[in-house]
Structure formats: C-alpha cells, structure tokens
Amino acid sequence: MFDLNLKTLNWINEKLKLDLTWQLTEEYVKMPEGTDARDYFSAKKASPYQGQNYIQVFSDRFEFMNDLSILDLIFNVGTKSAVYLNEINV
C-alpha cells in the first residue's frame, strides 16, 4: 500500500504539474520540529480548506460533497484542478 501511495502522489504531482516535494523519514517522530502536516487533513474533522463547488457525478441528485478525494477533483474538474487547489491555498 505504501508503494501505491507514493506512486499516486507522484502521478498527481505530474498530472497537475505541481512542484511538490517531500521526503520520507527513517523513523517515526512523535513530536517533529518545524511544520507537522500529519494533522492537516482528518476524516473526523471538517477541512479548513473550502473551495468553490464544482459539478460532481450525481450532482443532480445529491448536494456537493467536499473533501472526497483528489481523484474526484481531477475526474470532475480536469486540467483546472491545479488552479482550484492554488485558489484554496493547499
């Protein structure tokens, strides 16, 4: 699963022409120095990032669902996904 996640991150970075960089740690650090991005997104809390609603599959039957996944954004917004992300400062 870890390898799939890394490949997915690289694919998204490439397709959206983002210039994101990350590095892997050698060990788990309970209280890291500097920015700790582990709590930026949580399935248990509402996201602080709110962008414009976009048309989603089944939008004729359901309200807009925020924070589904990056794939939802890419499949529904297409090449403008990077612009959408930049507008909400992710």
PDB file of N, CA and C in Angstrom:
ATOM      1  N   MET A   1       0.818  -1.182   0.000  1.00  0.00           N
ATOM      2  CA  MET A   1       0.000   0.000   0.000  1.00  0.00           C
ATOM      3  C   MET A   1       0.871   1.259   0.000  1.00  0.00           C
ATOM      4  N   PHE A   2       1.963   1.201   0.719  1.00  0.00           N
ATOM      5  CA  PHE A   2       2.877   2.337   0.794  1.00  0.00           C
ATOM      6  C   PHE A   2       3.402   2.692  -0.597  1.00  0.00           C
ATOM      7  N   ASP A   3       3.818   1.687  -1.349  1.00  0.00           N
ATOM      8  CA  ASP A   3       4.327   1.930  -2.713  1.00  0.00           C
ATOM      9  C   ASP A   3       3.249   2.540  -3.607  1.00  0.00           C
ATOM     10  N   LEU A   4       2.025   2.038  -3.487  1.00  0.00           N
ATOM     11  CA  LEU A   4       0.917   2.582  -4.274  1.00  0.00           C
ATOM     12  C   LEU A   4       0.682   4.046  -3.917  1.00  0.00           C
ATOM     13  N   ASN A   5       0.717   4.369  -2.633  1.00  0.00           N
ATOM     14  CA  ASN A   5       0.531   5.763  -2.211  1.00  0.00           C
ATOM     15  C   ASN A   5       1.614   6.670  -2.782  1.00  0.00           C
ATOM     16  N   LEU A   6       2.860   6.228  -2.765  1.00  0.00           N
ATOM     17  CA  LEU A   6       3.947   7.033  -3.334  1.00  0.00           C
ATOM     18  C   LEU A   6       3.773   7.225  -4.831  1.00  0.00           C
ATOM     19  N   LYS A   7       3.408   6.159  -5.524  1.00  0.00           N
ATOM     20  CA  LYS A   7       3.186   6.270  -6.973  1.00  0.00           C
ATOM     21  C   LYS A   7       2.012   7.202  -7.269  1.00  0.00           C
ATOM     22  N   THR A   8       0.982   7.145  -6.439  1.00  0.00           N
ATOM     23  CA  THR A   8      -0.173   8.018  -6.626  1.00  0.00           C
ATOM     24  C   THR A   8       0.208   9.481  -6.407  1.00  0.00           C
ATOM     25  N   LEU A   9       0.981   9.757  -5.370  1.00  0.00           N
ATOM     26  CA  LEU A   9       1.447  11.122  -5.128  1.00  0.00           C
ATOM     27  C   LEU A   9       2.275  11.643  -6.304  1.00  0.00           C
ATOM     28  N   ASN A  10       3.157  10.808  -6.817  1.00  0.00           N
ATOM     29  CA  ASN A  10       3.977  11.210  -7.969  1.00  0.00           C
ATOM     30  C   ASN A  10       3.112  11.447  -9.206  1.00  0.00           C
ATOM     31  N   TRP A  11       2.121  10.588  -9.426  1.00  0.00           N
ATOM     32  CA  TRP A  11       1.229  10.728 -10.581  1.00  0.00           C
ATOM     33  C   TRP A  11       0.449  12.035 -10.492  1.00  0.00           C
ATOM     34  N   ILE A  12      -0.107  12.334  -9.311  1.00  0.00           N
ATOM     35  CA  ILE A  12      -0.861  13.573  -9.120  1.00  0.00           C
ATOM     36  C   ILE A  12       0.034  14.785  -9.329  1.00  0.00           C
ATOM     37  N   ASN A  13       1.217  14.738  -8.770  1.00  0.00           N
ATOM     38  CA  ASN A  13       2.182  15.824  -8.923  1.00  0.00           C
ATOM     39  C   ASN A  13       2.487  16.070 -10.406  1.00  0.00           C
ATOM     40  N   GLU A  14       2.654  14.998 -11.147  1.00  0.00           N
ATOM     41  CA  GLU A  14       2.959  15.099 -12.578  1.00  0.00           C
ATOM     42  C   GLU A  14       1.763  15.596 -13.379  1.00  0.00           C
ATOM     43  N   LYS A  15       0.592  15.003 -13.163  1.00  0.00           N
ATOM     44  CA  LYS A  15      -0.593  15.348 -13.957  1.00  0.00           C
ATOM     45  C   LYS A  15      -1.061  16.780 -13.719  1.00  0.00           C
ATOM     46  N   LEU A  16      -0.949  17.239 -12.481  1.00  0.00           N
ATOM     47  CA  LEU A  16      -1.382  18.598 -12.173  1.00  0.00           C
ATOM     48  C   LEU A  16      -0.266  19.621 -12.357  1.00  0.00           C
ATOM     49  N   LYS A  17       0.902  19.113 -12.773  1.00  0.00           N
ATOM     50  CA  LYS A  17       2.071  19.970 -12.999  1.00  0.00           C
ATOM     51  C   LYS A  17       2.378  20.810 -11.758  1.00  0.00           C
ATOM     52  N   LEU A  18       2.321  20.146 -10.622  1.00  0.00           N
ATOM     53  CA  LEU A  18       2.647  20.788  -9.360  1.00  0.00           C
ATOM     54  C   LEU A  18       4.137  20.635  -9.106  1.00  0.00           C
ATOM     55  N   ASP A  19       4.654  21.441  -8.261  1.00  0.00           N
ATOM     56  CA  ASP A  19       6.073  21.337  -7.911  1.00  0.00           C
ATOM     57  C   ASP A  19       6.182  20.978  -6.426  1.00  0.00           C
ATOM     58  N   LEU A  20       5.553  19.865  -6.071  1.00  0.00           N
ATOM     59  CA  LEU A  20       5.556  19.427  -4.678  1.00  0.00           C
ATOM     60  C   LEU A  20       6.771  18.544  -4.413  1.00  0.00           C
ATOM     61  N   THR A  21       7.342  18.719  -3.263  1.00  0.00           N
ATOM     62  CA  THR A  21       8.451  17.847  -2.860  1.00  0.00           C
ATOM     63  C   THR A  21       8.153  17.299  -1.478  1.00  0.00           C
ATOM     64  N   TRP A  22       8.640  16.152  -1.201  1.00  0.00           N
ATOM     65  CA  TRP A  22       8.504  15.534   0.109  1.00  0.00           C
ATOM     66  C   TRP A  22       9.676  14.602   0.309  1.00  0.00           C
ATOM     67  N   GLN A  23       9.884  14.252   1.539  1.00  0.00           N
ATOM     68  CA  GLN A  23      10.936  13.290   1.834  1.00  0.00           C
ATOM     69  C   GLN A  23      10.418  12.317   2.874  1.00  0.00           C
ATOM     70  N   LEU A  24      10.898  11.128   2.794  1.00  0.00           N
ATOM     71  CA  LEU A  24      10.493  10.085   3.733  1.00  0.00           C
ATOM     72  C   LEU A  24      11.395  10.134   4.963  1.00  0.00           C
ATOM     73  N   THR A  25      10.822   9.779   6.085  1.00  0.00           N
ATOM     74  CA  THR A  25      11.614   9.736   7.307  1.00  0.00           C
ATOM     75  C   THR A  25      12.142   8.321   7.519  1.00  0.00           C
ATOM     76  N   GLU A  26      13.195   8.216   8.268  1.00  0.00           N
ATOM     77  CA  GLU A  26      13.771   6.912   8.585  1.00  0.00           C
ATOM     78  C   GLU A  26      13.049   6.260   9.768  1.00  0.00           C
ATOM     79  N   GLU A  27      12.423   7.108  10.598  1.00  0.00           N
ATOM     80  CA  GLU A  27      11.729   6.593  11.775  1.00  0.00           C
ATOM     81  C   GLU A  27      10.567   7.513  12.126  1.00  0.00           C
ATOM     82  N   TYR A  28       9.637   6.996  12.910  1.00  0.00           N
ATOM     83  CA  TYR A  28       8.504   7.796  13.368  1.00  0.00           C
ATOM     84  C   TYR A  28       8.984   8.774  14.430  1.00  0.00           C
ATOM     85  N   VAL A  29       8.603  10.034  14.258  1.00  0.00           N
ATOM     86  CA  VAL A  29       8.967  11.067  15.226  1.00  0.00           C
ATOM     87  C   VAL A  29       7.670  11.567  15.852  1.00  0.00           C
ATOM     88  N   LYS A  30       7.524  11.358  17.158  1.00  0.00           N
ATOM     89  CA  LYS A  30       6.282  11.720  17.831  1.00  0.00           C
ATOM     90  C   LYS A  30       6.038  13.223  17.811  1.00  0.00           C
ATOM     91  N   MET A  31       7.027  14.025  18.083  1.00  0.00           N
ATOM     92  CA  MET A  31       6.903  15.486  18.103  1.00  0.00           C
ATOM     93  C   MET A  31       7.983  16.087  17.196  1.00  0.00           C
ATOM     94  N   PRO A  32       7.720  16.183  15.887  1.00  0.00           N
ATOM     95  CA  PRO A  32       8.736  16.704  14.967  1.00  0.00           C
ATOM     96  C   PRO A  32       8.976  18.200  15.144  1.00  0.00           C
ATOM     97  N   GLU A  33      10.159  18.610  14.768  1.00  0.00           N
ATOM     98  CA  GLU A  33      10.482  20.045  14.763  1.00  0.00           C
ATOM     99  C   GLU A  33       9.923  20.654  13.481  1.00  0.00           C
ATOM    100  N   GLY A  34       9.581  21.910  13.536  1.00  0.00           N
ATOM    101  CA  GLY A  34       9.078  22.597  12.340  1.00  0.00           C
ATOM    102  C   GLY A  34       7.618  22.262  12.077  1.00  0.00           C
ATOM    103  N   THR A  35       7.228  22.268  10.807  1.00  0.00           N
ATOM    104  CA  THR A  35       5.845  22.032  10.415  1.00  0.00           C
ATOM    105  C   THR A  35       5.500  20.554  10.496  1.00  0.00           C
ATOM    106  N   ASP A  36       4.414  20.249  11.158  1.00  0.00           N
ATOM    107  CA  ASP A  36       3.907  18.885  11.256  1.00  0.00           C
ATOM    108  C   ASP A  36       2.604  18.814  10.472  1.00  0.00           C
ATOM    109  N   ALA A  37       2.658  18.213   9.292  1.00  0.00           N
ATOM    110  CA  ALA A  37       1.496  18.197   8.411  1.00  0.00           C
ATOM    111  C   ALA A  37       0.593  16.990   8.630  1.00  0.00           C
ATOM    112  N   ARG A  38       0.894  16.172   9.617  1.00  0.00           N
ATOM    113  CA  ARG A  38       0.098  14.955   9.819  1.00  0.00           C
ATOM    114  C   ARG A  38      -1.348  15.245  10.182  1.00  0.00           C
ATOM    115  N   ASP A  39      -1.626  16.365  10.786  1.00  0.00           N
ATOM    116  CA  ASP A  39      -2.993  16.673  11.208  1.00  0.00           C
ATOM    117  C   ASP A  39      -3.703  17.657  10.287  1.00  0.00           C
ATOM    118  N   TYR A  40      -3.155  17.926   9.116  1.00  0.00           N
ATOM    119  CA  TYR A  40      -3.787  18.876   8.200  1.00  0.00           C
ATOM    120  C   TYR A  40      -5.148  18.373   7.722  1.00  0.00           C
ATOM    121  N   PHE A  41      -5.247  17.086   7.499  1.00  0.00           N
ATOM    122  CA  PHE A  41      -6.479  16.507   6.978  1.00  0.00           C
ATOM    123  C   PHE A  41      -6.907  15.362   7.880  1.00  0.00           C
ATOM    124  N   SER A  42      -8.180  15.322   8.195  1.00  0.00           N
ATOM    125  CA  SER A  42      -8.698  14.295   9.082  1.00  0.00           C
ATOM    126  C   SER A  42     -10.093  13.907   8.633  1.00  0.00           C
ATOM    127  N   ALA A  43     -10.371  12.624   8.647  1.00  0.00           N
ATOM    128  CA  ALA A  43     -11.718  12.162   8.318  1.00  0.00           C
ATOM    129  C   ALA A  43     -12.701  12.516   9.424  1.00  0.00           C
ATOM    130  N   LYS A  44     -12.175  12.853  10.604  1.00  0.00           N
ATOM    131  CA  LYS A  44     -13.028  13.140  11.755  1.00  0.00           C
ATOM    132  C   LYS A  44     -13.365  14.619  11.902  1.00  0.00           C
ATOM    133  N   LYS A  45     -12.615  15.498  11.237  1.00  0.00           N
ATOM    134  CA  LYS A  45     -12.844  16.939  11.361  1.00  0.00           C
ATOM    135  C   LYS A  45     -13.105  17.550   9.990  1.00  0.00           C
ATOM    136  N   ALA A  46     -13.871  18.614   9.972  1.00  0.00           N
ATOM    137  CA  ALA A  46     -14.118  19.330   8.717  1.00  0.00           C
ATOM    138  C   ALA A  46     -12.818  19.991   8.258  1.00  0.00           C
ATOM    139  N   SER A  47     -12.617  20.009   6.979  1.00  0.00           N
ATOM    140  CA  SER A  47     -11.419  20.617   6.408  1.00  0.00           C
ATOM    141  C   SER A  47     -11.476  22.136   6.520  1.00  0.00           C
ATOM    142  N   PRO A  48     -10.345  22.767   6.846  1.00  0.00           N
ATOM    143  CA  PRO A  48     -10.316  24.229   6.865  1.00  0.00           C
ATOM    144  C   PRO A  48     -10.251  24.810   5.448  1.00  0.00           C
ATOM    145  N   TYR A  49     -10.034  23.956   4.457  1.00  0.00           N
ATOM    146  CA  TYR A  49      -9.912  24.397   3.071  1.00  0.00           C
ATOM    147  C   TYR A  49     -11.255  24.269   2.371  1.00  0.00           C
ATOM    148  N   GLN A  50     -11.827  25.395   1.991  1.00  0.00           N
ATOM    149  CA  GLN A  50     -13.115  25.389   1.308  1.00  0.00           C
ATOM    150  C   GLN A  50     -12.967  26.114  -0.023  1.00  0.00           C
ATOM    151  N   GLY A  51     -13.111  25.391  -1.095  1.00  0.00           N
ATOM    152  CA  GLY A  51     -13.045  25.996  -2.414  1.00  0.00           C
ATOM    153  C   GLY A  51     -14.436  26.134  -3.002  1.00  0.00           C
ATOM    154  N   GLN A  52     -14.494  26.559  -4.227  1.00  0.00           N
ATOM    155  CA  GLN A  52     -15.761  26.658  -4.943  1.00  0.00           C
ATOM    156  C   GLN A  52     -16.304  25.249  -5.186  1.00  0.00           C
ATOM    157  N   ASN A  53     -17.601  25.112  -5.138  1.00  0.00           N
ATOM    158  CA  ASN A  53     -18.209  23.837  -5.519  1.00  0.00           C
ATOM    159  C   ASN A  53     -18.008  23.625  -7.006  1.00  0.00           C
ATOM    160  N   TYR A  54     -17.860  22.396  -7.404  1.00  0.00           N
ATOM    161  CA  TYR A  54     -17.765  22.039  -8.818  1.00  0.00           C
ATOM    162  C   TYR A  54     -18.765  20.924  -9.090  1.00  0.00           C
ATOM    163  N   ILE A  55     -19.063  20.692 -10.330  1.00  0.00           N
ATOM    164  CA  ILE A  55     -20.049  19.666 -10.679  1.00  0.00           C
ATOM    165  C   ILE A  55     -19.434  18.299 -10.424  1.00  0.00           C
ATOM    166  N   GLN A  56     -20.140  17.495  -9.648  1.00  0.00           N
ATOM    167  CA  GLN A  56     -19.714  16.135  -9.350  1.00  0.00           C
ATOM    168  C   GLN A  56     -20.702  15.160  -9.981  1.00  0.00           C
ATOM    169  N   VAL A  57     -20.258  13.926 -10.123  1.00  0.00           N
ATOM    170  CA  VAL A  57     -21.150  12.884 -10.613  1.00  0.00           C
ATOM    171  C   VAL A  57     -22.343  12.811  -9.662  1.00  0.00           C
ATOM    172  N   PHE A  58     -23.516  12.667 -10.183  1.00  0.00           N
ATOM    173  CA  PHE A  58     -24.769  12.602  -9.424  1.00  0.00           C
ATOM    174  C   PHE A  58     -25.123  13.921  -8.742  1.00  0.00           C
ATOM    175  N   SER A  59     -24.567  15.036  -9.216  1.00  0.00           N
ATOM    176  CA  SER A  59     -24.903  16.333  -8.614  1.00  0.00           C
ATOM    177  C   SER A  59     -26.367  16.700  -8.852  1.00  0.00           C
ATOM    178  N   ASP A  60     -27.013  16.022  -9.780  1.00  0.00           N
ATOM    179  CA  ASP A  60     -28.442  16.263  -9.991  1.00  0.00           C
ATOM    180  C   ASP A  60     -29.283  15.657  -8.864  1.00  0.00           C
ATOM    181  N   ARG A  61     -28.682  14.740  -8.090  1.00  0.00           N
ATOM    182  CA  ARG A  61     -29.421  14.072  -7.015  1.00  0.00           C
ATOM    183  C   ARG A  61     -28.882  14.345  -5.615  1.00  0.00           C
ATOM    184  N   PHE A  62     -27.629  14.765  -5.530  1.00  0.00           N
ATOM    185  CA  PHE A  62     -27.003  14.948  -4.219  1.00  0.00           C
ATOM    186  C   PHE A  62     -26.330  16.309  -4.125  1.00  0.00           C
ATOM    187  N   GLU A  63     -26.228  16.828  -2.898  1.00  0.00           N
ATOM    188  CA  GLU A  63     -25.508  18.069  -2.660  1.00  0.00           C
ATOM    189  C   GLU A  63     -24.026  17.863  -2.926  1.00  0.00           C
ATOM    190  N   PHE A  64     -23.311  18.959  -3.094  1.00  0.00           N
ATOM    191  CA  PHE A  64     -21.864  18.905  -3.255  1.00  0.00           C
ATOM    192  C   PHE A  64     -21.241  18.271  -2.018  1.00  0.00           C
ATOM    193  N   MET A  65     -20.310  17.359  -2.220  1.00  0.00           N
ATOM    194  CA  MET A  65     -19.612  16.707  -1.119  1.00  0.00           C
ATOM    195  C   MET A  65     -18.155  17.160  -1.144  1.00  0.00           C
ATOM    196  N   ASN A  66     -17.790  17.933  -0.143  1.00  0.00           N
ATOM    197  CA  ASN A  66     -16.428  18.454  -0.033  1.00  0.00           C
ATOM    198  C   ASN A  66     -15.486  17.364   0.472  1.00  0.00           C
ATOM    199  N   ASP A  67     -14.217  17.475   0.135  1.00  0.00           N
ATOM    200  CA  ASP A  67     -13.158  16.600   0.665  1.00  0.00           C
ATOM    201  C   ASP A  67     -13.309  15.125   0.302  1.00  0.00           C
ATOM    202  N   LEU A  68     -13.830  14.809  -0.880  1.00  0.00           N
ATOM    203  CA  LEU A  68     -13.936  13.397  -1.236  1.00  0.00           C
ATOM    204  C   LEU A  68     -12.557  12.808  -1.494  1.00  0.00           C
ATOM    205  N   SER A  69     -11.890  13.303  -2.516  1.00  0.00           N
ATOM    206  CA  SER A  69     -10.531  12.844  -2.816  1.00  0.00           C
ATOM    207  C   SER A  69      -9.975  13.704  -3.944  1.00  0.00           C
ATOM    208  N   ILE A  70      -8.671  13.616  -4.107  1.00  0.00           N
ATOM    209  CA  ILE A  70      -8.032  14.335  -5.211  1.00  0.00           C
ATOM    210  C   ILE A  70      -8.506  13.756  -6.541  1.00  0.00           C
ATOM    211  N   LEU A  71      -8.815  12.468  -6.572  1.00  0.00           N
ATOM    212  CA  LEU A  71      -9.292  11.859  -7.815  1.00  0.00           C
ATOM    213  C   LEU A  71     -10.659  12.411  -8.200  1.00  0.00           C
ATOM    214  N   ASP A  72     -11.529  12.659  -7.225  1.00  0.00           N
ATOM    215  CA  ASP A  72     -12.825  13.277  -7.518  1.00  0.00           C
ATOM    216  C   ASP A  72     -12.610  14.624  -8.186  1.00  0.00           C
ATOM    217  N   LEU A  73     -11.692  15.401  -7.629  1.00  0.00           N
ATOM    218  CA  LEU A  73     -11.391  16.712  -8.209  1.00  0.00           C
ATOM    219  C   LEU A  73     -10.854  16.577  -9.629  1.00  0.00           C
ATOM    220  N   ILE A  74      -9.877  15.715  -9.829  1.00  0.00           N
ATOM    221  CA  ILE A  74      -9.266  15.551 -11.160  1.00  0.00           C
ATOM    222  C   ILE A  74     -10.287  15.049 -12.175  1.00  0.00           C
ATOM    223  N   PHE A  75     -11.089  14.054 -11.803  1.00  0.00           N
ATOM    224  CA  PHE A  75     -12.050  13.494 -12.753  1.00  0.00           C
ATOM    225  C   PHE A  75     -13.173  14.467 -13.097  1.00  0.00           C
ATOM    226  N   ASN A  76     -13.510  15.357 -12.174  1.00  0.00           N
ATOM    227  CA  ASN A  76     -14.616  16.277 -12.421  1.00  0.00           C
ATOM    228  C   ASN A  76     -14.193  17.655 -12.897  1.00  0.00           C
ATOM    229  N   VAL A  77     -13.010  18.097 -12.529  1.00  0.00           N
ATOM    230  CA  VAL A  77     -12.546  19.433 -12.914  1.00  0.00           C
ATOM    231  C   VAL A  77     -11.506  19.352 -14.031  1.00  0.00           C
ATOM    232  N   GLY A  78     -10.790  18.246 -14.104  1.00  0.00           N
ATOM    233  CA  GLY A  78      -9.834  18.044 -15.179  1.00  0.00           C
ATOM    234  C   GLY A  78      -8.591  18.899 -15.047  1.00  0.00           C
ATOM    235  N   THR A  79      -8.184  19.499 -16.142  1.00  0.00           N
ATOM    236  CA  THR A  79      -6.915  20.232 -16.195  1.00  0.00           C
ATOM    237  C   THR A  79      -6.909  21.483 -15.324  1.00  0.00           C
ATOM    238  N   LYS A  80      -8.058  21.918 -14.860  1.00  0.00           N
ATOM    239  CA  LYS A  80      -8.123  23.100 -13.998  1.00  0.00           C
ATOM    240  C   LYS A  80      -7.993  22.747 -12.514  1.00  0.00           C
ATOM    241  N   SER A  81      -7.729  21.489 -12.207  1.00  0.00           N
ATOM    242  CA  SER A  81      -7.612  21.059 -10.810  1.00  0.00           C
ATOM    243  C   SER A  81      -6.499  21.784 -10.073  1.00  0.00           C
ATOM    244  N   ALA A  82      -5.375  21.992 -10.727  1.00  0.00           N
ATOM    245  CA  ALA A  82      -4.257  22.695 -10.072  1.00  0.00           C
ATOM    246  C   ALA A  82      -4.646  24.132  -9.747  1.00  0.00           C
ATOM    247  N   VAL A  83      -5.376  24.781 -10.649  1.00  0.00           N
ATOM    248  CA  VAL A  83      -5.848  26.151 -10.394  1.00  0.00           C
ATOM    249  C   VAL A  83      -6.784  26.148  -9.188  1.00  0.00           C
ATOM    250  N   TYR A  84      -7.678  25.180  -9.124  1.00  0.00           N
ATOM    251  CA  TYR A  84      -8.607  25.051  -7.994  1.00  0.00           C
ATOM    252  C   TYR A  84      -7.835  24.924  -6.688  1.00  0.00           C
ATOM    253  N   LEU A  85      -6.822  24.054  -6.655  1.00  0.00           N
ATOM    254  CA  LEU A  85      -6.029  23.866  -5.438  1.00  0.00           C
ATOM    255  C   LEU A  85      -5.269  25.125  -5.051  1.00  0.00           C
ATOM    256  N   ASN A  86      -4.733  25.821  -6.044  1.00  0.00           N
ATOM    257  CA  ASN A  86      -3.999  27.064  -5.758  1.00  0.00           C
ATOM    258  C   ASN A  86      -4.924  28.134  -5.192  1.00  0.00           C
ATOM    259  N   GLU A  87      -6.167  28.154  -5.624  1.00  0.00           N
ATOM    260  CA  GLU A  87      -7.114  29.153  -5.143  1.00  0.00           C
ATOM    261  C   GLU A  87      -7.473  28.955  -3.671  1.00  0.00           C
ATOM    262  N   ILE A  88      -7.406  27.708  -3.197  1.00  0.00           N
ATOM    263  CA  ILE A  88      -7.718  27.473  -1.783  1.00  0.00           C
ATOM    264  C   ILE A  88      -6.440  27.349  -0.957  1.00  0.00           C
ATOM    265  N   ASN A  89      -5.296  27.622  -1.589  1.00  0.00           N
ATOM    266  CA  ASN A  89      -4.002  27.644  -0.900  1.00  0.00           C
ATOM    267  C   ASN A  89      -3.652  26.339  -0.194  1.00  0.00           C
ATOM    268  N   VAL A  90      -3.810  25.240  -0.881  1.00  0.00           N
ATOM    269  CA  VAL A  90      -3.412  23.950  -0.307  1.00  0.00           C
ATOM    270  C   VAL A  90      -1.928  23.776  -0.485  1.00  0.00           C
TER     271      VAL A  90
END
